[in-house]
Amino acid sequence: MSMQELEFRGINRKHLGMYFEELGGKQITKNFPYVYKTENWCGEIISEAELSITSTFKVNSVQIRFKAVNENTLNKLIKDYRVKTRRIGG
C-alpha cells in the first residue's frame, strides 16, 4: 500500500472531509482520525491545530494521510484532492 502525508492550512476541517466524500469516500469514523474509504484508497484527517502567523493572525493546520492500493491510485487521489483544495483569489 502506498502512503503520503500532507498539511493543509486555512481550510476548514469539515470541508476537507467533504472533499473526500466528493471523491467517493465514505466516512467511517466520527472523530480523530477521521477516516474516509473506498475500495482503492483511504484518506485520514489525522489532526488539526491552530498556528499563529503573527500575534493577531492565526490559521488552522490540518494533517492528512492518503493511502492507496498502488502509487498510480495514490497520485491520482492526491491530484484530485488538491484540485478541491485549490484557492484562487479574485
C-alpha atoms as a PDB file:
ATOM      1  CA  MET A   1       0.000   0.000   0.000  1.00  0.00           C
ATOM      2  CA  SER A   2       1.283   3.473  -0.922  1.00  0.00           C
ATOM      3  CA  MET A   3       1.013   6.320   1.568  1.00  0.00           C
ATOM      4  CA  GLN A   4       1.743  10.056   1.830  1.00  0.00           C
ATOM      5  CA  GLU A   5       1.024  12.734   4.456  1.00  0.00           C
ATOM      6  CA  LEU A   6       0.307  16.382   3.624  1.00  0.00           C
ATOM      7  CA  GLU A   7      -0.546  19.507   5.583  1.00  0.00           C
ATOM      8  CA  PHE A   8      -3.320  21.890   4.545  1.00  0.00           C
ATOM      9  CA  ARG A   9      -3.619  25.351   6.056  1.00  0.00           C
ATOM     10  CA  GLY A  10      -6.530  27.751   6.184  1.00  0.00           C
ATOM     11  CA  ILE A  11      -9.200  25.243   5.113  1.00  0.00           C
ATOM     12  CA  ASN A  12     -11.925  24.128   7.492  1.00  0.00           C
ATOM     13  CA  ARG A  13     -11.553  20.512   8.635  1.00  0.00           C
ATOM     14  CA  LYS A  14     -15.191  19.773   7.749  1.00  0.00           C
ATOM     15  CA  HIS A  15     -14.593  20.988   4.202  1.00  0.00           C
ATOM     16  CA  LEU A  16     -11.544  18.746   3.922  1.00  0.00           C
ATOM     17  CA  GLY A  17     -13.716  15.774   4.895  1.00  0.00           C
ATOM     18  CA  MET A  18     -16.395  16.826   2.431  1.00  0.00           C
ATOM     19  CA  TYR A  19     -13.784  16.776  -0.350  1.00  0.00           C
ATOM     20  CA  PHE A  20     -13.042  13.108   0.392  1.00  0.00           C
ATOM     21  CA  GLU A  21     -16.776  12.401   0.147  1.00  0.00           C
ATOM     22  CA  GLU A  22     -16.997  14.267  -3.163  1.00  0.00           C
ATOM     23  CA  LEU A  23     -14.232  11.986  -4.468  1.00  0.00           C
ATOM     24  CA  GLY A  24     -16.274   8.914  -3.498  1.00  0.00           C
ATOM     25  CA  GLY A  25     -15.078   8.243   0.045  1.00  0.00           C
ATOM     26  CA  LYS A  26     -17.420   7.030   2.758  1.00  0.00           C
ATOM     27  CA  GLN A  27     -16.883   8.435   6.241  1.00  0.00           C
ATOM     28  CA  ILE A  28     -16.001   5.611   8.643  1.00  0.00           C
ATOM     29  CA  THR A  29     -15.231   7.447  11.919  1.00  0.00           C
ATOM     30  CA  LYS A  30     -16.785  10.432  13.692  1.00  0.00           C
ATOM     31  CA  ASN A  31     -13.657  11.706  15.495  1.00  0.00           C
ATOM     32  CA  PHE A  32      -9.880  11.942  15.035  1.00  0.00           C
ATOM     33  CA  PRO A  33      -8.589  10.361  12.983  1.00  0.00           C
ATOM     34  CA  TYR A  34     -11.492  10.994  10.611  1.00  0.00           C
ATOM     35  CA  VAL A  35     -11.329   8.143   8.091  1.00  0.00           C
ATOM     36  CA  TYR A  36     -12.821   8.138   4.582  1.00  0.00           C
ATOM     37  CA  LYS A  37     -12.591   4.953   2.497  1.00  0.00           C
ATOM     38  CA  THR A  38     -13.253   3.498  -0.912  1.00  0.00           C
ATOM     39  CA  GLU A  39     -12.265   0.141  -2.320  1.00  0.00           C
ATOM     40  CA  ASN A  40      -8.961   1.559  -3.637  1.00  0.00           C
ATOM     41  CA  TRP A  41      -7.964   4.331  -1.239  1.00  0.00           C
ATOM     42  CA  CYS A  42      -8.278   5.709   2.266  1.00  0.00           C
ATOM     43  CA  GLY A  43      -7.996   9.296   3.483  1.00  0.00           C
ATOM     44  CA  GLU A  44      -7.400  10.147   7.137  1.00  0.00           C
ATOM     45  CA  ILE A  45      -7.693  13.569   8.733  1.00  0.00           C
ATOM     46  CA  ILE A  46      -5.141  12.984  11.466  1.00  0.00           C
ATOM     47  CA  SER A  47      -5.052  16.229  13.430  1.00  0.00           C
ATOM     48  CA  GLU A  48      -5.921  19.905  13.462  1.00  0.00           C
ATOM     49  CA  ALA A  49      -4.032  22.706  15.185  1.00  0.00           C
ATOM     50  CA  GLU A  50      -4.052  26.492  15.201  1.00  0.00           C
ATOM     51  CA  LEU A  51      -0.888  28.260  14.061  1.00  0.00           C
ATOM     52  CA  SER A  52      -0.025  31.844  14.965  1.00  0.00           C
ATOM     53  CA  ILE A  53       1.410  33.667  11.974  1.00  0.00           C
ATOM     54  CA  THR A  54       1.507  36.943  13.928  1.00  0.00           C
ATOM     55  CA  SER A  55       0.087  37.858  17.324  1.00  0.00           C
ATOM     56  CA  THR A  56      -3.287  38.597  15.702  1.00  0.00           C
ATOM     57  CA  PHE A  57      -3.276  36.395  12.589  1.00  0.00           C
ATOM     58  CA  LYS A  58      -3.990  32.717  13.236  1.00  0.00           C
ATOM     59  CA  VAL A  59      -4.663  29.926  10.759  1.00  0.00           C
ATOM     60  CA  ASN A  60      -5.600  26.274  11.139  1.00  0.00           C
ATOM     61  CA  SER A  61      -3.284  23.476  10.087  1.00  0.00           C
ATOM     62  CA  VAL A  62      -4.708  20.045   9.231  1.00  0.00           C
ATOM     63  CA  GLN A  63      -2.589  16.919   8.767  1.00  0.00           C
ATOM     64  CA  ILE A  64      -3.952  14.423   6.239  1.00  0.00           C
ATOM     65  CA  ARG A  65      -2.739  10.915   5.401  1.00  0.00           C
ATOM     66  CA  PHE A  66      -3.501   9.464   1.983  1.00  0.00           C
ATOM     67  CA  LYS A  67      -3.288   5.694   1.384  1.00  0.00           C
ATOM     68  CA  ALA A  68      -3.955   3.793  -1.819  1.00  0.00           C
ATOM     69  CA  VAL A  69      -3.584   0.318  -3.267  1.00  0.00           C
ATOM     70  CA  ASN A  70      -0.773   1.473  -5.575  1.00  0.00           C
ATOM     71  CA  GLU A  71       1.326   4.519  -6.467  1.00  0.00           C
ATOM     72  CA  ASN A  72      -0.790   5.494  -9.509  1.00  0.00           C
ATOM     73  CA  THR A  73      -4.011   5.496  -7.479  1.00  0.00           C
ATOM     74  CA  LEU A  74      -2.305   7.494  -4.728  1.00  0.00           C
ATOM     75  CA  ASN A  75      -1.023  10.104  -7.182  1.00  0.00           C
ATOM     76  CA  LYS A  76      -4.469  10.475  -8.785  1.00  0.00           C
ATOM     77  CA  LEU A  77      -6.154  10.779  -5.380  1.00  0.00           C
ATOM     78  CA  ILE A  78      -3.750  13.496  -4.245  1.00  0.00           C
ATOM     79  CA  LYS A  79      -4.046  15.337  -7.568  1.00  0.00           C
ATOM     80  CA  ASP A  80      -7.863  15.273  -7.447  1.00  0.00           C
ATOM     81  CA  TYR A  81      -7.857  16.289  -3.771  1.00  0.00           C
ATOM     82  CA  ARG A  82      -5.531  19.224  -4.447  1.00  0.00           C
ATOM     83  CA  VAL A  83      -7.949  20.468  -7.121  1.00  0.00           C
ATOM     84  CA  LYS A  84     -10.671  20.513  -4.444  1.00  0.00           C
ATOM     85  CA  THR A  85      -8.453  22.485  -2.048  1.00  0.00           C
ATOM     86  CA  ARG A  86      -7.192  24.999  -4.616  1.00  0.00           C
ATOM     87  CA  ARG A  87      -7.976  28.577  -3.613  1.00  0.00           C
ATOM     88  CA  ILE A  88      -7.826  31.318  -6.200  1.00  0.00           C
ATOM     89  CA  GLY A  89      -8.234  34.928  -5.164  1.00  0.00           C
ATOM     90  CA  GLY A  90     -10.181  37.344  -7.277  1.00  0.00           C
END
